[in-house]
Each structure stands twice: as C-alpha cells, then as structure tokens.
C-alpha atoms as a PDB file:
ATOM      1  CA  MET A   1      -0.028   0.021  -0.171  1.00  0.00           C
ATOM      2  CA  ARG A   2       1.430   3.430  -0.821  1.00  0.00           C
ATOM      3  CA  ALA A   3       0.969   6.380   0.846  1.00  0.00           C
ATOM      4  CA  VAL A   4       0.681  10.146  -0.160  1.00  0.00           C
ATOM      5  CA  ASN A   5       2.198  13.411   1.612  1.00  0.00           C
ATOM      6  CA  TRP A   6       1.166  16.460   1.099  1.00  0.00           C
ATOM      7  CA  MET A   7       4.206  18.691   2.349  1.00  0.00           C
ATOM      8  CA  GLY A   8       4.153  22.362   3.006  1.00  0.00           C
ATOM      9  CA  ALA A   9       6.022  25.743   3.907  1.00  0.00           C
ATOM     10  CA  GLY A  10       6.254  28.846   5.151  1.00  0.00           C
ATOM     11  CA  GLN A  11       2.961  31.403   6.623  1.00  0.00           C
ATOM     12  CA  ILE A  12      -0.055  31.686   5.568  1.00  0.00           C
ATOM     13  CA  GLY A  13       0.884  35.048   4.234  1.00  0.00           C
ATOM     14  CA  ASP A  14       3.661  33.943   1.959  1.00  0.00           C
ATOM     15  CA  VAL A  15       2.485  30.476   0.641  1.00  0.00           C
ATOM     16  CA  ALA A  16       5.418  28.354  -1.083  1.00  0.00           C
ATOM     17  CA  PRO A  17       4.796  25.698  -3.682  1.00  0.00           C
ATOM     18  CA  LEU A  18       4.007  22.134  -2.714  1.00  0.00           C
ATOM     19  CA  ARG A  19       5.610  19.203  -3.354  1.00  0.00           C
ATOM     20  CA  LEU A  20       3.839  15.417  -3.961  1.00  0.00           C
ATOM     21  CA  ARG A  21       5.791  12.977  -2.915  1.00  0.00           C
ATOM     22  CA  VAL A  22       5.047   9.677  -3.444  1.00  0.00           C
ATOM     23  CA  SER A  23       6.688   7.003  -0.649  1.00  0.00           C
ATOM     24  CA  VAL A  24       6.315   3.462  -0.917  1.00  0.00           C
ATOM     25  CA  PRO A  25       5.916   1.520   2.357  1.00  0.00           C
ATOM     26  CA  ALA A  26       8.892  -0.399   3.385  1.00  0.00           C
ATOM     27  CA  THR A  27       8.492  -3.767   2.860  1.00  0.00           C
ATOM     28  CA  VAL A  28       9.889  -6.443   1.408  1.00  0.00           C
ATOM     29  CA  LEU A  29       8.551  -6.804  -2.474  1.00  0.00           C
ATOM     30  CA  PRO A  30       9.081 -10.067  -5.044  1.00  0.00           C
ATOM     31  CA  LYS A  31      11.796  -8.897  -6.997  1.00  0.00           C
ATOM     32  CA  VAL A  32       9.971  -8.611  -9.851  1.00  0.00           C
ATOM     33  CA  LEU A  33       8.163  -5.197  -8.140  1.00  0.00           C
ATOM     34  CA  ARG A  34      11.356  -3.851  -7.071  1.00  0.00           C
ATOM     35  CA  ARG A  35      12.314  -1.636 -10.208  1.00  0.00           C
ATOM     36  CA  PRO A  36       8.909  -0.084 -10.291  1.00  0.00           C
ATOM     37  CA  ALA A  37       8.823   0.900  -6.598  1.00  0.00           C
ATOM     38  CA  ARG A  38      11.711   2.466  -6.783  1.00  0.00           C
ATOM     39  CA  LEU A  39      10.652   4.465  -9.985  1.00  0.00           C
ATOM     40  CA  VAL A  40       7.590   5.687  -8.022  1.00  0.00           C
ATOM     41  CA  SER A  41       9.201   6.725  -4.982  1.00  0.00           C
ATOM     42  CA  ARG A  42      11.248   8.898  -7.311  1.00  0.00           C
ATOM     43  CA  ILE A  43       8.314  11.097  -8.334  1.00  0.00           C
ATOM     44  CA  ASP A  44       8.420  14.404  -6.910  1.00  0.00           C
ATOM     45  CA  VAL A  45       5.704  16.706  -8.285  1.00  0.00           C
ATOM     46  CA  THR A  46       5.805  21.003  -7.679  1.00  0.00           C
ATOM     47  CA  LEU A  47       1.842  22.592  -7.061  1.00  0.00           C
ATOM     48  CA  PRO A  48       2.084  25.824  -8.185  1.00  0.00           C
ATOM     49  CA  LYS A  49       1.056  28.702  -5.260  1.00  0.00           C
ATOM     50  CA  ARG A  50      -2.780  28.351  -4.012  1.00  0.00           C
ATOM     51  CA  ALA A  51      -3.099  25.590  -5.726  1.00  0.00           C
ATOM     52  CA  GLY A  52      -5.627  24.133  -3.390  1.00  0.00           C
ATOM     53  CA  LEU A  53      -7.418  28.039  -3.597  1.00  0.00           C
ATOM     54  CA  LYS A  54      -8.267  27.945  -7.550  1.00  0.00           C
ATOM     55  CA  ALA A  55      -8.750  24.245  -7.354  1.00  0.00           C
ATOM     56  CA  SER A  56     -11.943  25.319  -5.033  1.00  0.00           C
ATOM     57  CA  ILE A  57     -12.687  28.129  -6.947  1.00  0.00           C
ATOM     58  CA  ALA A  58     -12.851  26.444 -10.419  1.00  0.00           C
ATOM     59  CA  PHE A  59     -15.118  23.568  -8.675  1.00  0.00           C
ATOM     60  CA  LEU A  60     -17.438  26.689  -7.642  1.00  0.00           C
ATOM     61  CA  ALA A  61     -17.640  28.227 -10.645  1.00  0.00           C
ATOM     62  CA  ALA A  62     -18.344  24.640 -12.557  1.00  0.00           C
ATOM     63  CA  VAL A  63     -21.114  24.268  -9.921  1.00  0.00           C
ATOM     64  CA  GLY A  64     -22.763  27.649 -10.609  1.00  0.00           C
ATOM     65  CA  ILE A  65     -22.693  27.328 -14.422  1.00  0.00           C
ATOM     66  CA  TYR A  66     -24.080  23.753 -14.044  1.00  0.00           C
ATOM     67  CA  GLY A  67     -27.045  25.152 -11.890  1.00  0.00           C
ATOM     68  CA  VAL A  68     -28.017  27.873 -14.411  1.00  0.00           C
ATOM     69  CA  ILE A  69     -27.975  25.649 -17.117  1.00  0.00           C
ATOM     70  CA  ALA A  70     -30.187  23.082 -15.171  1.00  0.00           C
ATOM     71  CA  GLY A  71     -32.639  25.346 -13.812  1.00  0.00           C
ATOM     72  CA  GLU A  72     -32.963  26.887 -17.738  1.00  0.00           C
ATOM     73  CA  ARG A  73     -31.930  30.214 -16.820  1.00  0.00           C
ATOM     74  CA  PHE A  74     -28.880  30.283 -19.287  1.00  0.00           C
ATOM     75  CA  ASP A  75     -30.631  32.025 -21.802  1.00  0.00           C
ATOM     76  CA  ASP A  76     -32.714  34.732 -20.158  1.00  0.00           C
ATOM     77  CA  ILE A  77     -29.380  35.485 -18.320  1.00  0.00           C
ATOM     78  CA  VAL A  78     -27.691  36.185 -21.552  1.00  0.00           C
ATOM     79  CA  GLY A  79     -30.617  37.584 -22.889  1.00  0.00           C
ATOM     80  CA  GLY A  80     -30.944  39.675 -20.100  1.00  0.00           C
ATOM     81  CA  ILE A  81     -27.185  40.647 -20.985  1.00  0.00           C
ATOM     82  CA  SER A  82     -27.932  41.698 -24.719  1.00  0.00           C
ATOM     83  CA  SER A  83     -31.197  43.338 -23.748  1.00  0.00           C
ATOM     84  CA  ALA A  84     -28.908  45.429 -21.907  1.00  0.00           C
ATOM     85  CA  ALA A  85     -26.717  45.981 -24.376  1.00  0.00           C
ATOM     86  CA  GLY A  86     -29.434  47.240 -26.510  1.00  0.00           C
ATOM     87  CA  LEU A  87     -30.756  44.307 -28.577  1.00  0.00           C
ATOM     88  CA  SER A  88     -34.160  44.476 -26.832  1.00  0.00           C
ATOM     89  CA  ILE A  89     -37.285  44.305 -28.627  1.00  0.00           C
ATOM     90  CA  ASP A  90     -38.291  48.136 -28.671  1.00  0.00           C
ATOM     91  CA  ALA A  91     -41.034  47.785 -31.831  1.00  0.00           C
ATOM     92  CA  VAL A  92     -42.759  45.718 -33.788  1.00  0.00           C
ATOM     93  CA  ARG A  93     -44.469  46.686 -37.147  1.00  0.00           C
ATOM     94  CA  PHE A  94     -47.197  45.224 -39.149  1.00  0.00           C
ATOM     95  CA  THR A  95     -48.303  44.937 -42.572  1.00  0.00           C
ATOM     96  CA  GLY A  96     -50.937  42.404 -44.821  1.00  0.00           C
ATOM     97  CA  GLN A  97     -53.165  42.703 -42.234  1.00  0.00           C
ATOM     98  CA  SER A  98     -57.098  43.558 -42.401  1.00  0.00           C
ATOM     99  CA  GLU A  99     -59.266  41.453 -40.669  1.00  0.00           C
ATOM    100  CA  THR A 100     -56.820  40.377 -37.892  1.00  0.00           C
ATOM    101  CA  ALA A 101     -56.890  42.419 -35.349  1.00  0.00           C
ATOM    102  CA  GLU A 102     -53.069  44.057 -34.330  1.00  0.00           C
ATOM    103  CA  LEU A 103     -53.608  42.910 -30.408  1.00  0.00           C
ATOM    104  CA  ASP A 104     -53.896  38.994 -31.515  1.00  0.00           C
ATOM    105  CA  ILE A 105     -50.749  39.010 -33.194  1.00  0.00           C
ATOM    106  CA  MET A 106     -49.324  40.129 -30.655  1.00  0.00           C
ATOM    107  CA  ARG A 107     -50.626  37.931 -28.209  1.00  0.00           C
ATOM    108  CA  ALA A 108     -49.388  35.154 -31.098  1.00  0.00           C
ATOM    109  CA  LEU A 109     -45.695  37.007 -30.800  1.00  0.00           C
ATOM    110  CA  ASP A 110     -45.529  36.611 -27.005  1.00  0.00           C
ATOM    111  CA  LEU A 111     -42.949  38.838 -26.483  1.00  0.00           C
ATOM    112  CA  PRO A 112     -40.945  38.482 -23.233  1.00  0.00           C
ATOM    113  CA  ALA A 113     -40.735  41.590 -20.633  1.00  0.00           C
ATOM    114  CA  HIS A 114     -37.435  41.895 -21.515  1.00  0.00           C
ATOM    115  CA  GLY A 115     -36.385  40.394 -24.268  1.00  0.00           C
ATOM    116  CA  SER A 116     -33.560  39.948 -26.170  1.00  0.00           C
ATOM    117  CA  ILE A 117     -34.413  40.425 -30.378  1.00  0.00           C
ATOM    118  CA  VAL A 118     -30.794  37.907 -30.683  1.00  0.00           C
ATOM    119  CA  PHE A 119     -32.812  34.935 -28.812  1.00  0.00           C
ATOM    120  CA  PHE A 120     -36.023  35.605 -29.900  1.00  0.00           C
ATOM    121  CA  ASP A 121     -38.058  32.685 -31.625  1.00  0.00           C
ATOM    122  CA  ALA A 122     -39.360  33.921 -34.944  1.00  0.00           C
ATOM    123  CA  ALA A 123     -40.068  30.667 -35.975  1.00  0.00           C
ATOM    124  CA  ALA A 124     -41.933  29.714 -33.575  1.00  0.00           C
ATOM    125  CA  ALA A 125     -43.733  33.265 -33.203  1.00  0.00           C
ATOM    126  CA  ARG A 126     -44.667  32.650 -37.370  1.00  0.00           C
ATOM    127  CA  GLU A 127     -46.582  29.434 -36.433  1.00  0.00           C
ATOM    128  CA  ARG A 128     -48.617  30.614 -33.807  1.00  0.00           C
ATOM    129  CA  ILE A 129     -49.048  33.701 -36.286  1.00  0.00           C
ATOM    130  CA  GLU A 130     -50.571  31.536 -39.159  1.00  0.00           C
ATOM    131  CA  ALA A 131     -52.412  29.587 -36.704  1.00  0.00           C
ATOM    132  CA  LEU A 132     -54.717  32.899 -36.260  1.00  0.00           C
ATOM    133  CA  PRO A 133     -58.494  32.163 -38.426  1.00  0.00           C
ATOM    134  CA  TRP A 134     -57.807  34.996 -41.037  1.00  0.00           C
ATOM    135  CA  VAL A 135     -53.925  34.076 -41.360  1.00  0.00           C
ATOM    136  CA  GLU A 136     -52.774  32.412 -44.365  1.00  0.00           C
ATOM    137  CA  THR A 137     -49.056  33.032 -44.202  1.00  0.00           C
ATOM    138  CA  ALA A 138     -46.636  35.091 -42.050  1.00  0.00           C
ATOM    139  CA  THR A 139     -43.167  36.123 -42.161  1.00  0.00           C
ATOM    140  CA  ILE A 140     -41.164  37.340 -39.378  1.00  0.00           C
ATOM    141  CA  ARG A 141     -37.685  39.558 -39.887  1.00  0.00           C
ATOM    142  CA  LYS A 142     -35.677  40.789 -37.128  1.00  0.00           C
ATOM    143  CA  VAL A 143     -34.282  44.020 -37.774  1.00  0.00           C
ATOM    144  CA  TYR A 144     -31.768  44.902 -35.684  1.00  0.00           C
ATOM    145  CA  PRO A 145     -31.040  46.118 -33.453  1.00  0.00           C
ATOM    146  CA  SER A 146     -34.561  46.287 -32.074  1.00  0.00           C
ATOM    147  CA  THR A 147     -37.394  45.720 -34.364  1.00  0.00           C
ATOM    148  CA  LEU A 148     -39.362  42.894 -35.459  1.00  0.00           C
ATOM    149  CA  ASP A 149     -40.529  43.147 -38.575  1.00  0.00           C
ATOM    150  CA  VAL A 150     -44.102  40.965 -39.317  1.00  0.00           C
ATOM    151  CA  GLN A 151     -45.930  40.485 -42.656  1.00  0.00           C
ATOM    152  CA  VAL A 152     -49.037  38.846 -42.892  1.00  0.00           C
ATOM    153  CA  THR A 153     -50.853  37.507 -46.000  1.00  0.00           C
ATOM    154  CA  GLU A 154     -55.056  36.636 -44.959  1.00  0.00           C
ATOM    155  CA  ARG A 155     -57.193  34.173 -46.455  1.00  0.00           C
ATOM    156  CA  GLU A 156     -59.872  35.369 -49.090  1.00  0.00           C
ATOM    157  CA  PRO A 157     -63.361  35.063 -47.917  1.00  0.00           C
ATOM    158  CA  TYR A 158     -64.972  32.546 -50.764  1.00  0.00           C
ATOM    159  CA  ALA A 159     -68.557  31.422 -49.753  1.00  0.00           C
ATOM    160  CA  LEU A 160     -70.829  30.804 -47.230  1.00  0.00           C
ATOM    161  CA  TRP A 161     -71.166  27.345 -45.672  1.00  0.00           C
ATOM    162  CA  GLN A 162     -74.009  25.760 -43.694  1.00  0.00           C
ATOM    163  CA  ARG A 163     -73.243  22.898 -41.447  1.00  0.00           C
ATOM    164  CA  GLY A 164     -76.903  22.113 -39.715  1.00  0.00           C
ATOM    165  CA  GLY A 165     -77.707  25.286 -38.399  1.00  0.00           C
ATOM    166  CA  GLU A 166     -74.832  27.236 -38.626  1.00  0.00           C
ATOM    167  CA  VAL A 167     -73.011  29.419 -41.178  1.00  0.00           C
ATOM    168  CA  VAL A 168     -69.700  30.054 -41.351  1.00  0.00           C
ATOM    169  CA  LEU A 169     -67.343  31.871 -43.907  1.00  0.00           C
ATOM    170  CA  ILE A 170     -64.729  29.631 -45.692  1.00  0.00           C
ATOM    171  CA  ASP A 171     -62.031  30.277 -47.996  1.00  0.00           C
ATOM    172  CA  GLU A 172     -61.598  28.309 -51.575  1.00  0.00           C
ATOM    173  CA  ALA A 173     -59.550  25.596 -50.169  1.00  0.00           C
ATOM    174  CA  GLY A 174     -63.413  24.966 -47.725  1.00  0.00           C
ATOM    175  CA  ARG A 175     -61.044  26.112 -44.775  1.00  0.00           C
ATOM    176  CA  ILE A 176     -63.124  27.559 -41.834  1.00  0.00           C
ATOM    177  CA  ILE A 177     -62.503  31.097 -41.813  1.00  0.00           C
ATOM    178  CA  SER A 178     -64.712  32.499 -39.178  1.00  0.00           C
ATOM    179  CA  GLU A 179     -68.509  32.934 -37.966  1.00  0.00           C
ATOM    180  CA  TYR A 180     -71.120  34.318 -40.479  1.00  0.00           C
ATOM    181  CA  SER A 181     -71.099  38.313 -40.618  1.00  0.00           C
ATOM    182  CA  ASN A 182     -73.390  40.355 -42.873  1.00  0.00           C
ATOM    183  CA  ARG A 183     -71.057  42.127 -44.787  1.00  0.00           C
ATOM    184  CA  PHE A 184     -70.326  38.317 -46.325  1.00  0.00           C
ATOM    185  CA  SER A 185     -73.964  38.110 -47.058  1.00  0.00           C
ATOM    186  CA  ARG A 186     -73.409  38.331 -51.064  1.00  0.00           C
ATOM    187  CA  LEU A 187     -71.112  35.197 -51.005  1.00  0.00           C
ATOM    188  CA  PRO A 188     -72.634  31.987 -52.416  1.00  0.00           C
ATOM    189  CA  LEU A 189     -74.124  29.678 -49.865  1.00  0.00           C
ATOM    190  CA  VAL A 190     -73.447  26.203 -50.180  1.00  0.00           C
ATOM    191  CA  VAL A 191     -75.345  23.545 -47.534  1.00  0.00           C
ATOM    192  CA  GLY A 192     -74.054  19.947 -46.455  1.00  0.00           C
ATOM    193  CA  GLU A 193     -71.240  17.921 -45.742  1.00  0.00           C
ATOM    194  CA  GLY A 194     -69.078  17.825 -48.639  1.00  0.00           C
ATOM    195  CA  ALA A 195     -69.870  21.069 -50.110  1.00  0.00           C
ATOM    196  CA  PRO A 196     -66.897  23.241 -49.303  1.00  0.00           C
ATOM    197  CA  GLN A 197     -64.564  21.048 -51.216  1.00  0.00           C
ATOM    198  CA  ALA A 198     -66.647  20.446 -54.044  1.00  0.00           C
ATOM    199  CA  ALA A 199     -68.137  23.949 -54.216  1.00  0.00           C
ATOM    200  CA  PRO A 200     -65.052  25.285 -56.309  1.00  0.00           C
ATOM    201  CA  GLU A 201     -66.183  23.299 -60.103  1.00  0.00           C
ATOM    202  CA  LEU A 202     -70.037  24.355 -59.249  1.00  0.00           C
ATOM    203  CA  LEU A 203     -69.352  27.991 -58.709  1.00  0.00           C
ATOM    204  CA  ALA A 204     -66.897  28.206 -61.351  1.00  0.00           C
ATOM    205  CA  LEU A 205     -69.579  26.979 -64.142  1.00  0.00           C
ATOM    206  CA  LEU A 206     -72.219  29.762 -62.359  1.00  0.00           C
ATOM    207  CA  ALA A 207     -69.642  32.442 -62.905  1.00  0.00           C
ATOM    208  CA  GLU A 208     -69.581  31.909 -66.339  1.00  0.00           C
ATOM    209  CA  PHE A 209     -73.242  32.553 -66.672  1.00  0.00           C
ATOM    210  CA  PRO A 210     -74.407  35.785 -64.128  1.00  0.00           C
ATOM    211  CA  SER A 211     -78.099  35.546 -65.352  1.00  0.00           C
ATOM    212  CA  LEU A 212     -77.838  32.252 -63.444  1.00  0.00           C
ATOM    213  CA  GLN A 213     -75.561  32.745 -60.859  1.00  0.00           C
ATOM    214  CA  ASP A 214     -77.893  35.717 -59.733  1.00  0.00           C
ATOM    215  CA  GLU A 215     -80.748  33.760 -59.200  1.00  0.00           C
ATOM    216  CA  VAL A 216     -79.151  31.157 -57.206  1.00  0.00           C
ATOM    217  CA  ARG A 217     -79.741  31.624 -53.680  1.00  0.00           C
ATOM    218  CA  ALA A 218     -78.192  28.097 -52.234  1.00  0.00           C
ATOM    219  CA  ALA A 219     -76.550  25.326 -53.333  1.00  0.00           C
ATOM    220  CA  THR A 220     -76.978  21.984 -51.677  1.00  0.00           C
ATOM    221  CA  PHE A 221     -74.107  19.162 -52.272  1.00  0.00           C
ATOM    222  CA  VAL A 222     -76.602  15.841 -51.707  1.00  0.00           C
ATOM    223  CA  ALA A 223     -75.291  12.678 -50.870  1.00  0.00           C
ATOM    224  CA  ASN A 224     -71.794  13.671 -51.381  1.00  0.00           C
ATOM    225  CA  ARG A 225     -72.500  13.506 -55.037  1.00  0.00           C
ATOM    226  CA  ARG A 226     -74.689  15.672 -56.842  1.00  0.00           C
ATOM    227  CA  TRP A 227     -75.887  19.728 -56.606  1.00  0.00           C
ATOM    228  CA  ASP A 228     -79.746  20.999 -56.041  1.00  0.00           C
ATOM    229  CA  LEU A 229     -79.749  24.489 -56.736  1.00  0.00           C
ATOM    230  CA  THR A 230     -82.190  26.805 -54.654  1.00  0.00           C
ATOM    231  CA  LEU A 231     -83.582  29.709 -56.822  1.00  0.00           C
ATOM    232  CA  ARG A 232     -84.395  32.965 -55.063  1.00  0.00           C
ATOM    233  CA  ASN A 233     -88.336  32.795 -56.548  1.00  0.00           C
ATOM    234  CA  GLY A 234     -87.963  29.033 -54.445  1.00  0.00           C
ATOM    235  CA  MET A 235     -87.657  26.802 -56.944  1.00  0.00           C
ATOM    236  CA  THR A 236     -85.499  23.487 -56.741  1.00  0.00           C
ATOM    237  CA  VAL A 237     -83.210  22.406 -59.633  1.00  0.00           C
ATOM    238  CA  HIS A 238     -81.340  19.030 -59.856  1.00  0.00           C
ATOM    239  CA  LEU A 239     -78.667  18.651 -61.428  1.00  0.00           C
ATOM    240  CA  PRO A 240     -76.655  15.663 -62.631  1.00  0.00           C
ATOM    241  CA  GLU A 241     -74.072  14.132 -60.799  1.00  0.00           C
ATOM    242  CA  ASP A 242     -71.923  14.414 -64.229  1.00  0.00           C
ATOM    243  CA  ASP A 243     -71.627  16.360 -66.850  1.00  0.00           C
ATOM    244  CA  LEU A 244     -73.060  19.783 -65.266  1.00  0.00           C
ATOM    245  CA  LEU A 245     -72.208  21.984 -68.317  1.00  0.00           C
ATOM    246  CA  PRO A 246     -74.910  20.547 -70.465  1.00  0.00           C
ATOM    247  CA  ALA A 247     -77.303  21.042 -67.818  1.00  0.00           C
ATOM    248  CA  ILE A 248     -76.338  24.681 -66.676  1.00  0.00           C
ATOM    249  CA  ILE A 249     -76.563  25.424 -70.433  1.00  0.00           C
ATOM    250  CA  GLN A 250     -79.959  23.892 -70.957  1.00  0.00           C
ATOM    251  CA  LEU A 251     -81.218  25.554 -67.852  1.00  0.00           C
ATOM    252  CA  VAL A 252     -80.112  29.316 -68.920  1.00  0.00           C
ATOM    253  CA  SER A 253     -81.003  28.470 -72.776  1.00  0.00           C
ATOM    254  CA  LEU A 254     -85.010  27.959 -71.484  1.00  0.00           C
ATOM    255  CA  ASP A 255     -85.112  30.691 -69.147  1.00  0.00           C
ATOM    256  CA  GLN A 256     -84.224  33.269 -72.165  1.00  0.00           C
ATOM    257  CA  GLY A 257     -86.334  31.675 -74.755  1.00  0.00           C
ATOM    258  CA  ASN A 258     -89.537  30.849 -72.627  1.00  0.00           C
ATOM    259  CA  GLN A 259     -89.240  32.906 -69.200  1.00  0.00           C
ATOM    260  CA  LEU A 260     -88.589  29.862 -67.129  1.00  0.00           C
ATOM    261  CA  PHE A 261     -87.739  31.147 -63.715  1.00  0.00           C
ATOM    262  CA  ALA A 262     -90.524  33.602 -64.035  1.00  0.00           C
ATOM    263  CA  ARG A 263     -93.260  30.339 -64.006  1.00  0.00           C
ATOM    264  CA  ASP A 264     -94.837  28.714 -61.333  1.00  0.00           C
ATOM    265  CA  ILE A 265     -92.744  25.685 -61.569  1.00  0.00           C
ATOM    266  CA  GLU A 266     -91.703  23.789 -57.837  1.00  0.00           C
ATOM    267  CA  VAL A 267     -88.826  21.789 -59.207  1.00  0.00           C
ATOM    268  CA  ILE A 268     -86.946  21.484 -62.371  1.00  0.00           C
ATOM    269  CA  ASP A 269     -85.099  17.788 -62.975  1.00  0.00           C
ATOM    270  CA  LEU A 270     -82.060  17.694 -65.216  1.00  0.00           C
ATOM    271  CA  ARG A 271     -80.276  14.746 -63.787  1.00  0.00           C
ATOM    272  CA  MET A 272     -81.094  12.558 -66.822  1.00  0.00           C
ATOM    273  CA  ALA A 273     -78.856  13.798 -69.988  1.00  0.00           C
ATOM    274  CA  ASP A 274     -81.654  13.416 -72.390  1.00  0.00           C
ATOM    275  CA  ARG A 275     -84.903  14.760 -70.906  1.00  0.00           C
ATOM    276  CA  MET A 276     -86.255  17.505 -68.017  1.00  0.00           C
ATOM    277  CA  THR A 277     -88.920  17.166 -65.735  1.00  0.00           C
ATOM    278  CA  VAL A 278     -90.853  19.610 -64.256  1.00  0.00           C
ATOM    279  CA  GLN A 279     -93.195  19.930 -61.088  1.00  0.00           C
ATOM    280  CA  LEU A 280     -95.592  22.437 -60.963  1.00  0.00           C
ATOM    281  CA  ALA A 281     -96.328  24.227 -57.445  1.00  0.00           C
ATOM    282  CA  PRO A 282     -98.955  22.397 -55.893  1.00  0.00           C
ATOM    283  CA  GLU A 283    -101.757  25.305 -55.950  1.00  0.00           C
ATOM    284  CA  VAL A 284    -101.030  25.428 -59.833  1.00  0.00           C
ATOM    285  CA  LEU A 285    -101.183  21.686 -60.331  1.00  0.00           C
ATOM    286  CA  GLU A 286    -104.531  21.986 -58.513  1.00  0.00           C
ATOM    287  CA  ASP A 287    -106.050  24.952 -60.947  1.00  0.00           C
ATOM    288  CA  VAL A 288    -104.792  22.489 -63.902  1.00  0.00           C
ATOM    289  CA  GLU A 289    -106.659  19.550 -62.387  1.00  0.00           C
ATOM    290  CA  ASP A 290    -109.280  21.555 -62.000  1.00  0.00           C
ATOM    291  CA  ALA A 291    -109.200  22.668 -65.608  1.00  0.00           C
ATOM    292  CA  VAL A 292    -108.783  19.175 -67.169  1.00  0.00           C
ATOM    293  CA  THR A 293    -111.960  18.188 -64.998  1.00  0.00           C
ATOM    294  CA  ARG A 294    -114.126  20.742 -66.595  1.00  0.00           C
ATOM    295  CA  ALA A 295    -113.042  20.046 -69.723  1.00  0.00           C
ATOM    296  CA  ARG A 296    -113.486  16.365 -69.712  1.00  0.00           C
ATOM    297  CA  ARG A 297    -116.803  17.079 -68.908  1.00  0.00           C
ATOM    298  CA  THR A 298    -117.704  19.606 -71.286  1.00  0.00           C
ATOM    299  CA  GLY A 299    -116.135  17.323 -73.609  1.00  0.00           C
ATOM    300  CA  ALA A 300    -113.685  20.435 -74.681  1.00  0.00           C
ATOM    301  CA  THR A 301    -109.885  20.500 -75.193  1.00  0.00           C
ATOM    302  CA  PRO A 302    -108.280  21.553 -71.763  1.00  0.00           C
END
C-alpha cells in the first residue's frame, strides 16, 4: 500500500509551492516489483502556489454554471445581457393584415417582458400567428438592433357554408375562416357535408353564366354526389352528378327563351341527360287538375 504526503512551508501570507512526494512503505517486495517501486518513489511533483484555493474556486464556478443551465436560466441571463446592450425588442411593425387585429398578432408573438431580439424564436412565433383564423401565411424579420417586422397574408373569403344550423365563412380550399357576418352576405351559400370541397367546380361554372348566378340563393350538396340549386323564387333545380355544363346551358337557354324562372314551377329535374322533368307548384297543379276535369265534363280540349 502506498502513502501520499502533502508537504508545505511558510506562513499563510507567504505560501510556498507544494510538493507531492510519493513514498513506498518499507516492506519486502517480490523481485519483479522492486524496480517499479524505486521509480515510483522518485516521483516529485511541484504544485503551483495556492493550488488548493484555485481548485476550489474552479469547482464552485463549475457548480454554479451547471446550476444555471440545469435551471433553464442560461438563455434568460444571456438574453438579459444582450437586451441591456441595446438589443431588446422595442418596436413591432405590421403589414398586410386587415381582418386580423394587431392585438391578436401581439398575443401570438408572445414577447417576453425584457426579451432580446437575438434570442427571440421567430419560427415558433410565425407558427402561432399562422394559427390565427384569418392568416394564410406570416413572415417575421428581425431588423437589428430592436425591431420586429411582421408581414401577414390573409385568406380570401370565398363562400358561406351551412352545416346544420350554423353558417360559417370559408376560403376556396374549404377551410373555415370565421363565423357568419352580414358583411359577407352576398357570397354564395353552399349547404351540406362535403360542400366546401366540391364548391369550386360548381361556382366556377355559375360564374360563366351571370344571369343564372344572380338567381341562385343556395347550392346543396346531396349525398356527397351532386348539387341541388335553390333559386331566389323558391324553385329547386336538380343537377346531374356528372356533366354539369350541358345541364346548366340547357337551364339558361330555357329561361332566356321561355322565361322559365318566372313560371309557377316548383322543381326542375335535369338529372337525366335526354330529358327534363318539371314539377308545378301545388296550387298551380290543383288549378290544372280542375281545368282538366271541367274540360272532360264538357268534352272540350283543356
């Protein structure tokens, strides 16, 4: 067994270098170990002045740094230093927003009380802003030393979607933007499950025929397959599942040539490509039936 001796000299005010001397106990060693033992006994290490004190200070500093990092305060401390150096976030500029309130964007930015622009997580803030209902995309640019430039692109209102008893505003991709507002009452109304995704094809066709588009009050997607048009006069038009364009052309032509939309018709069925079926309003149908009955009694042609 070997012993370690620490040797020092001088007073506290005048500390001499420490020597670390290794001695080997005076025991009889086997022959094969005697040479290594003699080499170990000659070890004479000189330590610098106040080595123990310096080692203690280094140890305490390491413990302190570890505590800061483990306590997740490192970024706060460095951020505070950079903020004090003139790199704090003092201004935020907004562009592109009209329906989104600046206050909502500020909340989404979630700026710290004394945050540094250097350590501000712009990517995370951008994701939070893009989660706002009206926002399509957002860009955040750091303008050093102390300004954030926030540019927003908002969604375009495309149609109103009625699902159950609720009406919401949607964009062209069918995503909900907000609840119904009278400001958007002139937008087309689509009804039913799957309607937002299928609407662009129908609405694009209707836009090519303004006279019909103006008459349509709502379009209902039936069984996720086809459309029923409800006109402003209460008339219902059954459109086919496929080949919408020929059916719409036929409908517009009949109205232009025969004032179809002004007649007392309740339903126009265009689901069959080779024929059109109409259903009269109940009161009109009663009048027709009465006229036919009177004609039969008198032998006249109705």
